[in-house]
Amino acid sequence: MSNTIFTPGADVFTTRGRGEVVDVRATPSGTFVIGVEDDNGEVNYFTEKALRLAQS
């Protein structure tokens, strides 16, 4: 992973809008994916390149 750390509870912007990180896991290939829950309760998984930390 890069210097940006996505931890559970962090507010982020995704390609689909704003959400909250609920899960971080490694795939068998060694890539990290981050689970983000949106306002509707739907969880989608993104690579860290598709996320930006939201400003408080």
C-alpha atoms as a PDB file:
ATOM      1  CA  MET A   1       0.000   0.000   0.000  1.00  0.00           C
ATOM      2  CA  SER A   2       1.084   3.588  -0.453  1.00  0.00           C
ATOM      3  CA  ASN A   3       1.593   6.197   2.246  1.00  0.00           C
ATOM      4  CA  THR A   4      -2.165   6.836   2.430  1.00  0.00           C
ATOM      5  CA  ILE A   5      -3.763   4.560   4.988  1.00  0.00           C
ATOM      6  CA  PHE A   6      -7.435   3.694   4.654  1.00  0.00           C
ATOM      7  CA  THR A   7      -8.679   2.388   8.009  1.00  0.00           C
ATOM      8  CA  PRO A   8     -12.190   1.337   9.010  1.00  0.00           C
ATOM      9  CA  GLY A   9     -14.281   4.377   9.822  1.00  0.00           C
ATOM     10  CA  ALA A  10     -12.461   6.741   7.443  1.00  0.00           C
ATOM     11  CA  ASP A  11     -14.628   8.948   5.225  1.00  0.00           C
ATOM     12  CA  VAL A  12     -13.649   8.634   1.568  1.00  0.00           C
ATOM     13  CA  PHE A  13     -14.714   9.667  -1.907  1.00  0.00           C
ATOM     14  CA  THR A  14     -15.071   6.862  -4.438  1.00  0.00           C
ATOM     15  CA  THR A  15     -15.912   6.779  -8.112  1.00  0.00           C
ATOM     16  CA  ARG A  16     -19.537   6.307  -6.961  1.00  0.00           C
ATOM     17  CA  GLY A  17     -19.676   9.065  -4.337  1.00  0.00           C
ATOM     18  CA  ARG A  18     -18.897   9.438  -0.656  1.00  0.00           C
ATOM     19  CA  GLY A  19     -18.754   6.549   1.792  1.00  0.00           C
ATOM     20  CA  GLU A  20     -17.144   5.047   4.875  1.00  0.00           C
ATOM     21  CA  VAL A  21     -14.422   2.398   4.923  1.00  0.00           C
ATOM     22  CA  VAL A  22     -15.729  -0.796   6.534  1.00  0.00           C
ATOM     23  CA  ASP A  23     -13.203  -3.425   5.392  1.00  0.00           C
ATOM     24  CA  VAL A  24      -9.618  -3.677   4.164  1.00  0.00           C
ATOM     25  CA  ARG A  25      -8.266  -6.976   2.847  1.00  0.00           C
ATOM     26  CA  ALA A  26      -5.572  -8.416   0.620  1.00  0.00           C
ATOM     27  CA  THR A  27      -6.394 -10.451  -2.467  1.00  0.00           C
ATOM     28  CA  PRO A  28      -4.462 -13.638  -3.324  1.00  0.00           C
ATOM     29  CA  SER A  29      -2.412 -11.597  -5.816  1.00  0.00           C
ATOM     30  CA  GLY A  30      -1.262  -9.256  -3.033  1.00  0.00           C
ATOM     31  CA  THR A  31      -3.395  -6.265  -4.026  1.00  0.00           C
ATOM     32  CA  PHE A  32      -5.285  -4.531  -1.234  1.00  0.00           C
ATOM     33  CA  VAL A  33      -8.983  -3.801  -1.703  1.00  0.00           C
ATOM     34  CA  ILE A  34     -10.996  -1.479   0.480  1.00  0.00           C
ATOM     35  CA  GLY A  35     -14.674  -2.064   1.241  1.00  0.00           C
ATOM     36  CA  VAL A  36     -16.677   1.159   1.294  1.00  0.00           C
ATOM     37  CA  GLU A  37     -20.275   1.421   2.523  1.00  0.00           C
ATOM     38  CA  ASP A  38     -22.395   4.132   0.907  1.00  0.00           C
ATOM     39  CA  ASP A  39     -25.453   5.934   2.307  1.00  0.00           C
ATOM     40  CA  ASN A  40     -27.750   3.138   1.067  1.00  0.00           C
ATOM     41  CA  GLY A  41     -25.837   0.499   3.041  1.00  0.00           C
ATOM     42  CA  GLU A  42     -24.320  -1.056  -0.088  1.00  0.00           C
ATOM     43  CA  VAL A  43     -20.673  -2.163   0.192  1.00  0.00           C
ATOM     44  CA  ASN A  44     -18.416  -1.971  -2.848  1.00  0.00           C
ATOM     45  CA  TYR A  45     -14.733  -2.839  -3.045  1.00  0.00           C
ATOM     46  CA  PHE A  46     -12.144  -0.517  -4.581  1.00  0.00           C
ATOM     47  CA  THR A  47      -8.390  -0.390  -4.965  1.00  0.00           C
ATOM     48  CA  GLU A  48      -6.715   2.478  -3.166  1.00  0.00           C
ATOM     49  CA  LYS A  49      -6.158   4.263  -6.504  1.00  0.00           C
ATOM     50  CA  ALA A  50      -9.936   4.710  -6.810  1.00  0.00           C
ATOM     51  CA  LEU A  51     -10.266   6.359  -3.371  1.00  0.00           C
ATOM     52  CA  ARG A  52      -9.521   9.752  -1.868  1.00  0.00           C
ATOM     53  CA  LEU A  53      -9.745  10.659   1.805  1.00  0.00           C
ATOM     54  CA  ALA A  54     -12.553  13.140   2.467  1.00  0.00           C
ATOM     55  CA  GLN A  55     -11.630  16.415   4.134  1.00  0.00           C
ATOM     56  CA  SER A  56     -13.275  16.904   7.532  1.00  0.00           C
END
